[in-house]
Protein backbone atom coordinates (compact mmCIF):
# COMPACT_ATOMS: atom_id res chain seq x y z
CA MET A 1 88.07 91.30 97.92
CA GLY A 2 88.17 92.11 93.85
CA SER A 3 91.87 93.93 94.02
CA THR A 4 93.23 90.46 95.74
CA ASP A 5 92.20 87.94 93.35
CA GLY A 6 93.23 90.22 90.26
CA GLY A 7 96.81 90.48 91.97
CA ALA A 8 97.04 86.40 92.39
CA PHE A 9 95.84 86.33 89.23
CA ARG A 10 98.40 88.93 87.26
CA ARG A 11 101.20 87.00 89.56
CA MET A 12 100.23 83.57 87.96
CA LEU A 13 99.60 85.11 84.55
CA ARG A 14 103.73 86.45 85.07
CA LYS A 15 104.46 82.94 85.79
CA LEU A 16 102.91 81.85 83.08
CA THR A 17 104.28 84.20 80.35
CA SER A 18 107.64 85.65 81.46
CA ASP A 19 111.14 84.28 80.75
CA VAL A 20 112.51 81.34 83.53
CA ASP A 21 115.88 83.22 84.09
CA VAL A 22 113.61 86.01 84.80
CA LEU A 23 111.85 84.63 87.24
CA ASP A 24 114.81 83.12 88.64
CA ALA A 25 116.49 86.23 89.08
CA ASP A 26 113.43 88.27 90.94
CA ASP A 27 113.23 85.19 93.47
CA LEU A 28 117.30 85.19 93.89
CA THR A 29 116.79 89.19 94.49
CA GLU A 30 113.85 88.62 97.21
CA ASP A 31 116.04 85.60 98.47
CA SER A 32 118.25 88.12 99.01
CA GLU A 33 116.47 91.27 100.33
CA ARG A 34 114.26 88.78 102.54
CA SER A 35 117.95 87.78 104.38
CA GLY A 36 119.36 91.25 104.94
CA ALA A 37 121.90 91.05 101.60
CA GLN A 38 123.15 93.29 99.94
CA ARG A 39 122.55 93.62 96.22
CA ALA A 40 125.67 93.25 93.92
CA SER A 41 124.17 95.74 91.63
CA GLU A 42 124.01 98.33 94.16
CA CYS A 43 127.68 97.21 96.03
CA ALA A 44 130.46 99.70 94.86
CA CYS A 45 134.85 99.37 95.09
CA GLY A 46 136.37 98.93 99.11
CA GLN A 47 133.06 98.04 99.86
CA GLU A 48 132.42 95.43 103.44
CA VAL A 49 129.59 93.65 101.83
CA THR A 50 127.72 90.35 102.58
CA MET A 51 125.76 88.80 99.55
CA LEU A 52 123.22 85.99 99.32
CA GLY A 53 122.91 84.16 95.63
CA ARG A 54 123.28 81.13 93.78
CA LEU A 55 126.71 79.64 91.92
CA ARG A 56 126.59 80.04 88.19
CA SER A 57 130.24 78.65 87.79
CA VAL A 58 133.21 76.95 89.45
CA GLU A 59 136.52 76.31 88.00
CA PHE A 60 140.19 76.01 88.70
CA CYS A 61 142.54 78.13 87.19
CA ALA A 62 146.50 78.01 87.16
CA GLU A 63 149.32 79.76 85.30
CA ASP A 64 151.48 77.56 87.06
CA ASP A 65 151.57 75.93 90.76
CA THR A 66 152.21 78.92 92.09
CA SER A 67 149.05 80.58 91.49
CA ALA A 68 146.73 77.98 92.01
CA GLN A 69 142.99 79.55 92.46
CA LEU A 70 139.74 78.44 92.58
CA GLN A 71 136.96 80.95 91.28
CA ALA A 72 133.41 81.02 90.72
CA GLU A 73 130.66 83.21 89.73
CA LEU A 74 127.85 84.59 92.32
CA PHE A 75 124.88 85.86 91.12
CA ASP A 76 121.90 87.76 93.33
CA GLY A 77 119.12 88.33 90.96
CA THR A 78 120.70 91.96 90.43
CA GLU A 79 124.37 90.95 89.05
CA GLY A 80 127.55 88.29 89.21
CA VAL A 81 130.68 88.89 91.21
CA THR A 82 133.57 86.18 90.77
CA LEU A 83 134.52 84.58 94.10
CA VAL A 84 138.80 84.20 94.15
CA TRP A 85 139.76 81.79 96.76
CA MET A 86 143.84 81.98 96.65
CA GLY A 87 145.77 78.86 97.27
CA ARG A 88 142.84 75.82 96.47
CA ARG A 89 141.92 73.50 93.84
CA ARG A 90 138.74 72.94 95.16
CA ILE A 91 136.86 72.97 98.07
CA PRO A 92 133.84 71.03 99.29
CA GLY A 93 130.68 72.15 98.42
CA ILE A 94 131.54 74.90 95.84
CA GLU A 95 129.45 74.10 92.97
CA PRO A 96 127.08 75.66 91.01
CA GLY A 97 123.50 75.84 91.45
CA ARG A 98 125.08 75.93 94.99
CA THR A 99 122.80 78.92 97.11
CA MET A 100 125.26 80.72 99.41
CA ARG A 101 125.62 83.70 101.83
CA VAL A 102 129.54 85.01 101.40
CA ARG A 103 131.43 88.10 103.34
CA GLY A 104 134.21 90.33 102.13
CA ARG A 105 135.48 93.69 100.63
CA ILE A 106 134.40 94.46 97.20
CA SER A 107 136.95 94.82 94.29
CA VAL A 108 137.13 95.49 90.99
CA ARG A 109 139.51 93.66 88.48
CA ASP A 110 139.12 93.62 84.52
CA GLY A 111 135.61 95.64 84.96
CA ARG A 112 134.11 92.93 87.23
CA LYS A 113 133.55 93.20 90.89
CA VAL A 114 135.85 90.39 92.64
CA LEU A 115 135.66 88.97 95.84
CA TYR A 116 138.74 87.43 97.14
CA ASN A 117 138.38 85.04 99.79
CA PRO A 118 135.44 85.69 101.25
CA TYR A 119 133.94 84.10 104.30
CA TYR A 120 131.30 82.01 103.02
CA GLU A 121 128.33 79.91 103.83
CA ILE A 122 126.47 77.18 101.96
CA CYS A 123 122.73 77.94 102.57
CA GLN A 124 119.82 75.58 101.68
CA ALA A 125 118.11 76.08 98.51
CA GLN A 126 115.33 78.40 99.70
């Protein structure tokens, strides 16, 4: 009984003293592991992946009318991955703060991991 109480006390103390961003990252990592998704930090270029995370940012990028693309950063608690939808200006439901499951093949562009035109599912916050 003593070890259970000590563990609960340690968890409560950690929640009270840790930075909110660290706690959020830990929660995202746990949700990702429970769902069977891969960690972004462990994914390699060319690998087919399924990831679960939260969108940090969403922006429309266009140098001209022919190169429109919607970009979003997905954070899974370990690392951010850029999601790029080519030829899209907006996708309903894709907005900062949303939890998503995405699937695709990892690429690397300018030193950052990227998923082009990923399959996606908008999930309920856990």
